[in-house]
Every structure is written in C-alpha cells, then in structure tokens.
C-alpha cells in the first residue's frame, strides 16, 4: 500500500520556485500602509527594491527605460524581487510647475484600475523635458489611454486637491532616507 500526500499552498513553495508571472499585467499592485509607497510584485520575494522617483527626473527615466528598470521588471516577473515605488514631486518645487504631482496622481488612479506598472512605463517612455512642466492634464489623458487604464484619469478625478498634497507631503519623509542620485 502506498500513501501519497500532496499539498498545495504558498507556504510550501518558495517564491522563486513558483511559476513566473506571465506579464506585468499579472503582477500584484497595492498601496502601502504609508499611503505613498506602491508595492508591485510577489510580496514574498526575497529581494525588495525601494525606488524613490520623480516622474520629471531624467535620471529616473534613464533607469526605468534603459538602466536597471527592465531587469527589475524581469525579476518581478520571475518572483525573485518585488519593487516599492515612493513617488515624489521635488522637481515641481525645484524648477517650478505641478507636472510631477499630476503624474503621481495619474499613477495613483491607474493603481486603482490595476494598471500602475503599465502606466508608469508609458509615462517614462513619453517623459517631457525636465525643465518643461509637461505633465499637463491634456498630456496625461492620451498616456492614460495608451496604458489601457480605460479613462481612469477622468473617472477618478486625479487632479483633485487632496491627492495633489499626497505627493507634496511625501518629500519630508523621503529626505530622511535620501538617494544617491537625487538629493531630497
């Protein structure tokens, strides 16, 4: 007589041995407890990469499009890493405007639609010049549609003042941590 027991469950299989996610659309996305950090990927992954980004920052764009961003996305798909994005608006204050705040608000609306990572990628692929306050309402609407967020920009009213202050208030907390490429 042979008795075989089989179990299924996340506790039995480490993240790196679970099947990879098929696409970025399948990655879990959620807002962190701090209300400003967005977590993407398998929460049980062994490696967590915490990124501090301003959507107007050309160094952030370089990282996301041709630097480590593509490798990070692959690691998230393979379940070997998860990413935490803390989005900021330090360039709005430094060079003027409100584009960073508007882009952050658009990303939060995309998160509610389950499209954060896709919209994040579209915004960096279409990033205006740093010195130009290019993330305007008119500029963000077509990007929203390109990411397949189905009109979340209009439906969730991401330009509402309470959300705009969310990006602005993230700066003091981040300044305690700092980053090697951007002084906060």
N, C-alpha and C. Protein backbone atom coordinates (compact mmCIF):
# COMPACT_ATOMS: atom_id res chain seq x y z
N UNK A 1 0.85 -1.17 0.00
CA UNK A 1 0.00 0.00 0.00
C UNK A 1 0.90 1.24 0.00
N UNK A 2 0.58 2.18 -0.85
CA UNK A 2 1.32 3.43 -0.95
C UNK A 2 0.38 4.57 -0.58
N UNK A 3 0.83 5.38 0.30
CA UNK A 3 0.05 6.55 0.70
C UNK A 3 0.81 7.79 0.25
N UNK A 4 0.19 8.57 -0.55
CA UNK A 4 0.84 9.79 -1.04
C UNK A 4 0.03 10.99 -0.57
N UNK A 5 0.74 11.94 -0.08
CA UNK A 5 0.10 13.18 0.35
C UNK A 5 0.62 14.31 -0.53
N UNK A 6 -0.26 15.10 -0.99
CA UNK A 6 0.15 16.25 -1.80
C UNK A 6 -0.47 17.49 -1.17
N UNK A 7 0.26 18.51 -1.19
CA UNK A 7 -0.26 19.76 -0.64
C UNK A 7 -0.04 20.88 -1.63
N UNK A 8 -0.89 21.81 -1.58
CA UNK A 8 -0.67 22.99 -2.41
C UNK A 8 -0.87 24.19 -1.49
N UNK A 9 -0.07 25.12 -1.72
CA UNK A 9 -0.16 26.31 -0.88
C UNK A 9 1.12 27.10 -0.97
N UNK A 10 1.03 28.36 -0.72
CA UNK A 10 2.17 29.25 -0.85
C UNK A 10 3.25 28.95 0.19
N UNK A 11 2.89 28.49 1.35
CA UNK A 11 3.88 28.28 2.41
C UNK A 11 4.84 27.15 2.04
N UNK A 12 4.39 26.20 1.20
CA UNK A 12 5.21 25.05 0.85
C UNK A 12 6.23 25.35 -0.25
N UNK A 13 5.99 26.37 -1.06
CA UNK A 13 6.83 26.63 -2.21
C UNK A 13 7.40 28.04 -2.10
N UNK A 14 8.74 28.15 -2.08
CA UNK A 14 9.33 29.49 -2.01
C UNK A 14 9.00 30.28 -3.29
N UNK A 15 8.96 31.61 -3.22
CA UNK A 15 8.56 32.43 -4.37
C UNK A 15 9.34 32.11 -5.64
N UNK A 16 10.66 31.90 -5.53
CA UNK A 16 11.46 31.67 -6.73
C UNK A 16 11.16 30.34 -7.41
N UNK A 17 10.41 29.47 -6.74
CA UNK A 17 10.05 28.18 -7.34
C UNK A 17 8.61 28.16 -7.83
N UNK A 18 7.88 29.22 -7.58
CA UNK A 18 6.52 29.32 -8.10
C UNK A 18 6.59 29.70 -9.57
N UNK A 19 5.55 29.42 -10.33
CA UNK A 19 5.57 29.81 -11.74
C UNK A 19 5.71 31.33 -11.88
N UNK A 20 6.44 31.75 -12.88
CA UNK A 20 6.63 33.17 -13.14
C UNK A 20 5.30 33.80 -13.55
N UNK A 21 5.16 35.08 -13.31
CA UNK A 21 4.01 35.81 -13.81
C UNK A 21 4.14 35.89 -15.33
N UNK A 22 3.03 35.82 -16.03
CA UNK A 22 3.05 35.84 -17.50
C UNK A 22 3.42 37.21 -18.05
N UNK A 23 2.91 38.27 -17.42
CA UNK A 23 3.17 39.62 -17.91
C UNK A 23 3.07 40.60 -16.74
N UNK A 24 3.48 41.84 -16.99
CA UNK A 24 3.40 42.85 -15.94
C UNK A 24 1.96 43.09 -15.50
N UNK A 25 1.01 42.82 -16.38
CA UNK A 25 -0.40 42.98 -16.02
C UNK A 25 -0.82 42.02 -14.91
N UNK A 26 -0.10 40.92 -14.76
CA UNK A 26 -0.43 39.91 -13.75
C UNK A 26 0.20 40.19 -12.38
N UNK A 27 1.15 41.14 -12.33
CA UNK A 27 1.84 41.42 -11.06
C UNK A 27 0.89 42.05 -10.05
N UNK A 28 0.91 41.60 -8.80
CA UNK A 28 0.11 42.25 -7.77
C UNK A 28 0.61 43.68 -7.54
N UNK A 29 -0.32 44.60 -7.36
CA UNK A 29 -0.01 46.01 -7.09
C UNK A 29 -0.88 46.46 -5.93
N UNK A 30 -0.26 47.17 -4.97
CA UNK A 30 -1.09 47.70 -3.88
C UNK A 30 -0.41 48.91 -3.26
N UNK A 31 -1.23 49.74 -2.67
CA UNK A 31 -0.75 50.93 -1.98
C UNK A 31 -0.28 50.51 -0.59
N UNK A 32 0.90 50.98 -0.21
CA UNK A 32 1.45 50.66 1.10
C UNK A 32 0.72 51.35 2.22
N UNK A 33 0.99 50.92 3.42
CA UNK A 33 0.34 51.46 4.61
C UNK A 33 0.64 52.94 4.82
N UNK A 34 1.79 53.41 4.29
CA UNK A 34 2.15 54.83 4.45
C UNK A 34 1.33 55.74 3.54
N UNK A 35 0.59 55.17 2.59
CA UNK A 35 -0.24 55.96 1.69
C UNK A 35 0.51 56.61 0.54
N UNK A 36 1.81 56.41 0.46
CA UNK A 36 2.59 57.00 -0.63
C UNK A 36 3.40 55.97 -1.40
N UNK A 37 3.69 54.83 -0.82
CA UNK A 37 4.52 53.83 -1.48
C UNK A 37 3.62 52.79 -2.16
N UNK A 38 3.96 52.48 -3.39
CA UNK A 38 3.21 51.49 -4.16
C UNK A 38 4.08 50.25 -4.30
N UNK A 39 3.53 49.12 -3.89
CA UNK A 39 4.27 47.86 -3.93
C UNK A 39 3.81 47.03 -5.11
N UNK A 40 4.79 46.52 -5.86
CA UNK A 40 4.49 45.74 -7.06
C UNK A 40 5.31 44.45 -7.02
N UNK A 41 4.64 43.34 -7.26
CA UNK A 41 5.31 42.05 -7.32
C UNK A 41 4.90 41.14 -6.19
N UNK A 42 5.52 39.97 -6.17
CA UNK A 42 5.22 38.97 -5.15
C UNK A 42 5.70 39.48 -3.79
N UNK A 43 4.80 39.68 -2.84
CA UNK A 43 5.21 40.20 -1.54
C UNK A 43 6.14 39.25 -0.77
N UNK A 44 6.23 37.98 -1.20
CA UNK A 44 7.10 37.02 -0.54
C UNK A 44 8.47 36.89 -1.20
N UNK A 45 8.73 37.69 -2.23
CA UNK A 45 10.04 37.62 -2.91
C UNK A 45 11.15 37.94 -1.91
N UNK A 46 12.31 37.35 -2.12
CA UNK A 46 13.42 37.51 -1.18
C UNK A 46 14.06 38.90 -1.26
N UNK A 47 13.96 39.56 -2.41
CA UNK A 47 14.60 40.85 -2.60
C UNK A 47 13.53 41.92 -2.77
N UNK A 48 13.70 43.03 -2.07
CA UNK A 48 12.82 44.19 -2.23
C UNK A 48 13.68 45.36 -2.67
N UNK A 49 13.28 45.98 -3.77
CA UNK A 49 13.98 47.16 -4.28
C UNK A 49 13.07 48.35 -4.04
N UNK A 50 13.56 49.34 -3.29
CA UNK A 50 12.78 50.53 -2.97
C UNK A 50 13.30 51.67 -3.83
N UNK A 51 12.42 52.19 -4.68
CA UNK A 51 12.78 53.27 -5.59
C UNK A 51 12.10 54.56 -5.16
N UNK A 52 12.83 55.64 -5.22
CA UNK A 52 12.29 56.98 -4.95
C UNK A 52 12.35 57.72 -6.28
N UNK A 53 11.19 58.06 -6.82
CA UNK A 53 11.16 58.61 -8.17
C UNK A 53 10.32 59.88 -8.26
N UNK A 54 10.79 60.77 -9.12
CA UNK A 54 10.02 61.93 -9.56
C UNK A 54 9.83 61.71 -11.05
N UNK A 55 8.59 61.71 -11.52
CA UNK A 55 8.30 61.39 -12.91
C UNK A 55 8.94 62.37 -13.89
N UNK A 56 9.36 63.54 -13.43
CA UNK A 56 10.03 64.51 -14.31
C UNK A 56 11.54 64.30 -14.34
N UNK A 57 12.08 63.45 -13.51
CA UNK A 57 13.53 63.27 -13.35
C UNK A 57 14.11 62.46 -14.52
N UNK A 58 15.08 63.05 -15.26
CA UNK A 58 15.66 62.31 -16.38
C UNK A 58 16.52 61.12 -15.94
N UNK A 59 17.09 61.17 -14.75
CA UNK A 59 17.87 60.02 -14.25
C UNK A 59 16.92 58.86 -13.94
N UNK A 60 15.76 59.17 -13.39
CA UNK A 60 14.75 58.13 -13.13
C UNK A 60 14.29 57.51 -14.46
N UNK A 61 14.07 58.36 -15.45
CA UNK A 61 13.65 57.87 -16.78
C UNK A 61 14.72 56.96 -17.37
N UNK A 62 15.96 57.35 -17.25
CA UNK A 62 17.06 56.53 -17.78
C UNK A 62 17.08 55.16 -17.08
N UNK A 63 16.94 55.17 -15.77
CA UNK A 63 16.91 53.91 -15.03
C UNK A 63 15.75 53.04 -15.51
N UNK A 64 14.56 53.62 -15.60
CA UNK A 64 13.36 52.85 -15.92
C UNK A 64 13.34 52.32 -17.35
N UNK A 65 13.91 53.06 -18.30
CA UNK A 65 13.80 52.64 -19.70
C UNK A 65 15.01 51.88 -20.21
N UNK A 66 16.22 52.25 -19.76
CA UNK A 66 17.40 51.59 -20.32
C UNK A 66 18.42 51.18 -19.27
N UNK A 67 18.17 51.48 -18.03
CA UNK A 67 19.09 51.09 -16.95
C UNK A 67 18.63 49.81 -16.31
N UNK A 68 18.43 49.85 -15.02
CA UNK A 68 18.05 48.65 -14.27
C UNK A 68 16.57 48.31 -14.30
N UNK A 69 15.73 49.24 -14.77
CA UNK A 69 14.28 49.02 -14.79
C UNK A 69 13.85 47.75 -15.52
N UNK A 70 14.34 47.52 -16.76
CA UNK A 70 13.95 46.28 -17.44
C UNK A 70 14.36 45.02 -16.68
N UNK A 71 15.54 45.03 -16.06
CA UNK A 71 15.98 43.87 -15.29
C UNK A 71 15.12 43.70 -14.03
N UNK A 72 14.73 44.81 -13.42
CA UNK A 72 13.86 44.74 -12.24
C UNK A 72 12.51 44.15 -12.62
N UNK A 73 11.94 44.59 -13.75
CA UNK A 73 10.66 44.03 -14.19
C UNK A 73 10.79 42.51 -14.43
N UNK A 74 11.90 42.08 -15.03
CA UNK A 74 12.10 40.64 -15.24
C UNK A 74 12.17 39.92 -13.90
N UNK A 75 12.90 40.48 -12.94
CA UNK A 75 13.00 39.86 -11.61
C UNK A 75 11.63 39.81 -10.92
N UNK A 76 10.81 40.84 -11.12
CA UNK A 76 9.46 40.81 -10.54
C UNK A 76 8.63 39.72 -11.20
N UNK A 77 8.74 39.58 -12.52
CA UNK A 77 8.00 38.53 -13.22
C UNK A 77 8.46 37.15 -12.77
N UNK A 78 9.76 36.99 -12.51
CA UNK A 78 10.31 35.71 -12.06
C UNK A 78 10.09 35.46 -10.57
N UNK A 79 9.49 36.43 -9.87
CA UNK A 79 9.22 36.34 -8.43
C UNK A 79 10.48 36.40 -7.57
N UNK A 80 11.57 36.86 -8.11
CA UNK A 80 12.79 36.96 -7.31
C UNK A 80 12.92 38.32 -6.64
N UNK A 81 12.12 39.30 -7.08
CA UNK A 81 12.18 40.63 -6.47
C UNK A 81 10.79 41.26 -6.49
N UNK A 82 10.59 42.15 -5.55
CA UNK A 82 9.41 43.00 -5.53
C UNK A 82 9.90 44.43 -5.49
N UNK A 83 9.10 45.35 -6.00
CA UNK A 83 9.51 46.76 -6.02
C UNK A 83 8.56 47.59 -5.17
N UNK A 84 9.14 48.58 -4.52
CA UNK A 84 8.36 49.56 -3.78
C UNK A 84 8.69 50.92 -4.39
N UNK A 85 7.69 51.58 -4.92
CA UNK A 85 7.85 52.88 -5.56
C UNK A 85 7.34 53.97 -4.63
N UNK A 86 8.22 54.85 -4.19
CA UNK A 86 7.80 56.03 -3.46
C UNK A 86 7.94 57.19 -4.44
N UNK A 87 6.80 57.75 -4.80
CA UNK A 87 6.75 58.78 -5.83
C UNK A 87 6.76 60.16 -5.19
N UNK A 88 7.57 61.03 -5.75
CA UNK A 88 7.77 62.35 -5.16
C UNK A 88 7.61 63.44 -6.22
N UNK A 89 7.66 64.67 -5.76
CA UNK A 89 7.49 65.82 -6.65
C UNK A 89 8.51 66.91 -6.36
N UNK A 90 9.75 66.52 -6.09
CA UNK A 90 10.76 67.51 -5.72
C UNK A 90 11.10 68.45 -6.88
N UNK A 91 10.94 68.00 -8.13
CA UNK A 91 11.26 68.89 -9.25
C UNK A 91 10.22 69.98 -9.44
N UNK A 92 8.98 69.73 -9.06
CA UNK A 92 7.97 70.80 -9.13
C UNK A 92 8.41 71.99 -8.30
N UNK A 93 8.91 71.71 -7.12
CA UNK A 93 9.37 72.79 -6.25
C UNK A 93 10.69 73.38 -6.75
N UNK A 94 11.57 72.53 -7.29
CA UNK A 94 12.89 72.98 -7.71
C UNK A 94 12.91 73.78 -9.00
N UNK A 95 12.16 73.32 -10.01
CA UNK A 95 12.17 74.01 -11.30
C UNK A 95 10.83 74.63 -11.65
N UNK A 96 9.85 74.45 -10.78
CA UNK A 96 8.54 75.07 -10.97
C UNK A 96 7.54 74.16 -11.65
N UNK A 97 6.30 74.44 -11.40
CA UNK A 97 5.21 73.71 -12.03
C UNK A 97 4.52 72.73 -11.10
N UNK A 98 3.68 71.90 -11.72
CA UNK A 98 2.93 70.91 -10.95
C UNK A 98 2.86 69.57 -11.69
N UNK A 99 3.68 69.39 -12.72
CA UNK A 99 3.63 68.18 -13.53
C UNK A 99 3.93 66.90 -12.77
N UNK A 100 4.90 66.94 -11.87
CA UNK A 100 5.22 65.74 -11.09
C UNK A 100 4.03 65.32 -10.25
N UNK A 101 3.40 66.29 -9.60
CA UNK A 101 2.23 65.98 -8.76
C UNK A 101 1.11 65.39 -9.61
N UNK A 102 0.89 65.99 -10.79
CA UNK A 102 -0.18 65.47 -11.66
C UNK A 102 0.13 64.06 -12.13
N UNK A 103 1.40 63.80 -12.46
CA UNK A 103 1.78 62.46 -12.90
C UNK A 103 1.62 61.44 -11.77
N UNK A 104 1.99 61.83 -10.54
CA UNK A 104 1.80 60.95 -9.38
C UNK A 104 0.32 60.66 -9.18
N UNK A 105 -0.51 61.68 -9.29
CA UNK A 105 -1.95 61.48 -9.13
C UNK A 105 -2.50 60.56 -10.21
N UNK A 106 -1.99 60.71 -11.43
CA UNK A 106 -2.42 59.83 -12.52
C UNK A 106 -2.02 58.39 -12.23
N UNK A 107 -0.83 58.18 -11.68
CA UNK A 107 -0.39 56.83 -11.34
C UNK A 107 -1.23 56.23 -10.22
N UNK A 108 -1.62 57.05 -9.27
CA UNK A 108 -2.49 56.53 -8.20
C UNK A 108 -3.85 56.11 -8.76
N UNK A 109 -4.35 56.87 -9.73
CA UNK A 109 -5.61 56.48 -10.37
C UNK A 109 -5.41 55.19 -11.16
N UNK A 110 -4.29 55.06 -11.83
CA UNK A 110 -4.01 53.83 -12.57
C UNK A 110 -3.89 52.64 -11.62
N UNK A 111 -3.33 52.86 -10.44
CA UNK A 111 -3.23 51.80 -9.44
C UNK A 111 -4.62 51.29 -9.08
N UNK A 112 -5.57 52.19 -8.92
CA UNK A 112 -6.94 51.77 -8.59
C UNK A 112 -7.56 50.93 -9.71
N UNK A 113 -7.05 51.11 -10.93
CA UNK A 113 -7.53 50.33 -12.07
C UNK A 113 -6.69 49.07 -12.29
N UNK A 114 -5.67 48.85 -11.43
CA UNK A 114 -4.78 47.71 -11.61
C UNK A 114 -3.80 47.90 -12.75
N UNK A 115 -3.49 49.14 -13.09
CA UNK A 115 -2.64 49.44 -14.24
C UNK A 115 -1.44 50.30 -13.87
N UNK A 116 -1.01 50.27 -12.61
CA UNK A 116 0.08 51.14 -12.19
C UNK A 116 1.34 50.93 -13.02
N UNK A 117 1.83 49.70 -13.07
CA UNK A 117 3.10 49.44 -13.73
C UNK A 117 3.04 49.76 -15.23
N UNK A 118 1.93 49.45 -15.88
CA UNK A 118 1.80 49.76 -17.30
C UNK A 118 1.82 51.27 -17.53
N UNK A 119 1.09 52.00 -16.70
CA UNK A 119 1.02 53.46 -16.87
C UNK A 119 2.36 54.10 -16.50
N UNK A 120 3.01 53.58 -15.48
CA UNK A 120 4.34 54.04 -15.06
C UNK A 120 5.30 53.94 -16.25
N UNK A 121 5.25 52.81 -16.93
CA UNK A 121 6.13 52.60 -18.08
C UNK A 121 5.80 53.58 -19.21
N UNK A 122 4.51 53.77 -19.50
CA UNK A 122 4.10 54.70 -20.55
C UNK A 122 4.55 56.12 -20.23
N UNK A 123 4.42 56.54 -18.97
CA UNK A 123 4.82 57.90 -18.62
C UNK A 123 6.32 58.10 -18.81
N UNK A 124 7.13 57.13 -18.42
CA UNK A 124 8.58 57.28 -18.62
C UNK A 124 8.97 57.21 -20.09
N UNK A 125 8.30 56.39 -20.87
CA UNK A 125 8.60 56.31 -22.30
C UNK A 125 8.21 57.60 -23.03
N UNK A 126 7.33 58.38 -22.44
CA UNK A 126 6.85 59.64 -23.04
C UNK A 126 7.18 60.84 -22.17
N UNK A 127 8.26 60.76 -21.41
CA UNK A 127 8.59 61.81 -20.46
C UNK A 127 8.96 63.12 -21.17
N UNK A 128 8.30 64.24 -20.77
CA UNK A 128 8.69 65.54 -21.30
C UNK A 128 10.05 65.97 -20.74
N UNK A 129 10.63 66.99 -21.31
CA UNK A 129 11.89 67.53 -20.80
C UNK A 129 11.71 67.94 -19.33
N UNK A 130 12.75 67.74 -18.56
CA UNK A 130 12.72 68.05 -17.12
C UNK A 130 12.35 69.50 -16.86
N UNK A 131 12.90 70.42 -17.65
CA UNK A 131 12.69 71.85 -17.40
C UNK A 131 11.32 72.34 -17.85
N UNK A 132 10.61 71.50 -18.59
CA UNK A 132 9.28 71.86 -19.06
C UNK A 132 8.25 71.19 -18.16
N UNK A 133 7.27 71.93 -17.73
CA UNK A 133 6.21 71.36 -16.89
C UNK A 133 5.23 70.61 -17.80
N UNK A 134 5.70 69.51 -18.37
CA UNK A 134 4.99 68.85 -19.45
C UNK A 134 3.88 67.90 -19.07
N UNK A 135 3.84 67.43 -17.84
CA UNK A 135 2.76 66.52 -17.45
C UNK A 135 1.51 67.34 -17.12
N UNK A 136 0.89 67.82 -18.16
CA UNK A 136 -0.34 68.60 -18.02
C UNK A 136 -1.54 67.66 -18.12
N UNK A 137 -2.71 68.16 -17.81
CA UNK A 137 -3.92 67.35 -17.94
C UNK A 137 -4.07 66.84 -19.37
N UNK A 138 -3.86 67.73 -20.34
CA UNK A 138 -4.01 67.35 -21.75
C UNK A 138 -2.98 66.31 -22.16
N UNK A 139 -1.78 66.38 -21.61
CA UNK A 139 -0.72 65.42 -21.94
C UNK A 139 -1.00 64.06 -21.31
N UNK A 140 -1.51 64.04 -20.10
CA UNK A 140 -1.72 62.79 -19.39
C UNK A 140 -2.89 61.98 -19.92
N UNK A 141 -3.91 62.61 -20.47
CA UNK A 141 -5.08 61.86 -20.94
C UNK A 141 -4.73 60.84 -22.02
N UNK A 142 -3.98 61.23 -23.09
CA UNK A 142 -3.62 60.20 -24.08
C UNK A 142 -2.72 59.12 -23.49
N UNK A 143 -1.83 59.46 -22.59
CA UNK A 143 -0.99 58.44 -21.94
C UNK A 143 -1.85 57.46 -21.18
N UNK A 144 -2.91 57.96 -20.55
CA UNK A 144 -3.83 57.12 -19.79
C UNK A 144 -4.45 56.08 -20.71
N UNK A 145 -4.87 56.51 -21.87
CA UNK A 145 -5.50 55.58 -22.81
C UNK A 145 -4.48 54.60 -23.38
N UNK A 146 -3.23 55.05 -23.62
CA UNK A 146 -2.20 54.16 -24.13
C UNK A 146 -1.89 53.05 -23.14
N UNK A 147 -2.04 53.31 -21.86
CA UNK A 147 -1.77 52.29 -20.84
C UNK A 147 -2.97 51.37 -20.64
N UNK A 148 -4.06 51.65 -21.32
CA UNK A 148 -5.24 50.82 -21.19
C UNK A 148 -5.96 51.02 -19.86
N UNK A 149 -5.81 52.20 -19.28
CA UNK A 149 -6.42 52.44 -17.97
C UNK A 149 -7.89 52.83 -18.10
N UNK A 150 -8.41 52.82 -19.30
CA UNK A 150 -9.84 52.98 -19.54
C UNK A 150 -10.44 54.23 -18.92
N UNK A 151 -9.81 55.34 -19.10
CA UNK A 151 -10.40 56.58 -18.64
C UNK A 151 -10.32 56.82 -17.16
N UNK A 152 -9.43 56.15 -16.45
CA UNK A 152 -9.35 56.34 -15.00
C UNK A 152 -9.00 57.78 -14.66
N UNK A 153 -8.28 58.45 -15.54
CA UNK A 153 -7.89 59.84 -15.28
C UNK A 153 -9.13 60.70 -15.05
N UNK A 154 -10.11 60.59 -15.94
CA UNK A 154 -11.33 61.39 -15.79
C UNK A 154 -12.22 60.85 -14.68
N UNK A 155 -12.41 59.54 -14.66
CA UNK A 155 -13.36 58.94 -13.72
C UNK A 155 -12.96 59.15 -12.27
N UNK A 156 -11.69 59.07 -11.96
CA UNK A 156 -11.25 59.18 -10.57
C UNK A 156 -10.81 60.58 -10.18
N UNK A 157 -10.91 61.52 -11.11
CA UNK A 157 -10.59 62.92 -10.83
C UNK A 157 -9.25 63.05 -10.12
N UNK A 158 -8.20 62.60 -10.79
CA UNK A 158 -6.90 62.58 -10.15
C UNK A 158 -6.30 63.96 -9.92
N UNK A 159 -6.89 64.98 -10.47
CA UNK A 159 -6.38 66.33 -10.24
C UNK A 159 -6.97 66.95 -8.98
N UNK A 160 -7.74 66.18 -8.23
CA UNK A 160 -8.36 66.71 -7.02
C UNK A 160 -7.30 67.14 -6.02
N UNK A 161 -7.52 68.22 -5.35
CA UNK A 161 -6.54 68.80 -4.42
C UNK A 161 -6.07 67.83 -3.33
N UNK A 162 -6.93 67.03 -2.70
CA UNK A 162 -6.43 66.15 -1.64
C UNK A 162 -5.35 65.19 -2.12
N UNK A 163 -5.45 64.71 -3.34
CA UNK A 163 -4.41 63.82 -3.85
C UNK A 163 -3.16 64.59 -4.21
N UNK A 164 -3.29 65.80 -4.68
CA UNK A 164 -2.13 66.61 -5.04
C UNK A 164 -1.23 66.81 -3.84
N UNK A 165 -1.81 67.00 -2.68
CA UNK A 165 -0.99 67.20 -1.48
C UNK A 165 -0.29 65.92 -1.06
N UNK A 166 -0.78 64.76 -1.47
CA UNK A 166 -0.16 63.49 -1.12
C UNK A 166 1.28 63.44 -1.64
N UNK A 167 1.52 63.83 -2.89
CA UNK A 167 2.88 63.82 -3.43
C UNK A 167 3.76 64.83 -2.72
N UNK A 168 3.21 65.98 -2.42
CA UNK A 168 3.98 67.04 -1.77
C UNK A 168 4.40 66.62 -0.36
N UNK A 169 3.54 65.95 0.37
CA UNK A 169 3.85 65.59 1.75
C UNK A 169 4.79 64.39 1.84
N UNK A 170 5.01 63.68 0.74
CA UNK A 170 5.92 62.54 0.77
C UNK A 170 7.37 63.01 0.89
N UNK A 171 7.68 64.21 0.49
CA UNK A 171 9.05 64.69 0.45
C UNK A 171 9.73 64.72 1.82
N UNK A 172 9.15 65.28 2.89
CA UNK A 172 9.87 65.31 4.15
C UNK A 172 10.26 63.92 4.65
N UNK A 173 9.40 62.94 4.50
CA UNK A 173 9.73 61.59 4.95
C UNK A 173 10.89 61.02 4.14
N UNK A 174 10.88 61.25 2.83
CA UNK A 174 11.94 60.71 1.97
C UNK A 174 13.27 61.39 2.24
N UNK A 175 13.26 62.64 2.66
CA UNK A 175 14.52 63.35 2.86
C UNK A 175 15.34 62.70 3.97
N UNK A 176 14.70 61.96 4.83
CA UNK A 176 15.43 61.27 5.90
C UNK A 176 16.21 60.08 5.35
N UNK A 177 15.76 59.55 4.21
CA UNK A 177 16.41 58.37 3.63
C UNK A 177 17.43 58.78 2.59
N UNK A 178 17.07 59.72 1.70
CA UNK A 178 17.98 60.18 0.65
C UNK A 178 18.19 59.13 -0.43
N UNK A 179 18.73 59.54 -1.55
CA UNK A 179 19.08 58.65 -2.63
C UNK A 179 20.43 59.09 -3.18
N UNK A 180 21.17 58.17 -3.81
CA UNK A 180 22.48 58.56 -4.32
C UNK A 180 22.39 59.49 -5.53
N UNK A 181 21.29 59.48 -6.28
CA UNK A 181 21.24 60.29 -7.49
C UNK A 181 20.52 61.61 -7.33
N UNK A 182 19.66 61.72 -6.34
CA UNK A 182 18.86 62.94 -6.18
C UNK A 182 18.78 63.34 -4.74
N UNK A 183 19.26 64.52 -4.40
CA UNK A 183 19.11 64.96 -3.02
C UNK A 183 17.66 65.31 -2.75
N UNK A 184 17.11 64.82 -1.68
CA UNK A 184 15.71 65.12 -1.36
C UNK A 184 15.65 66.18 -0.32
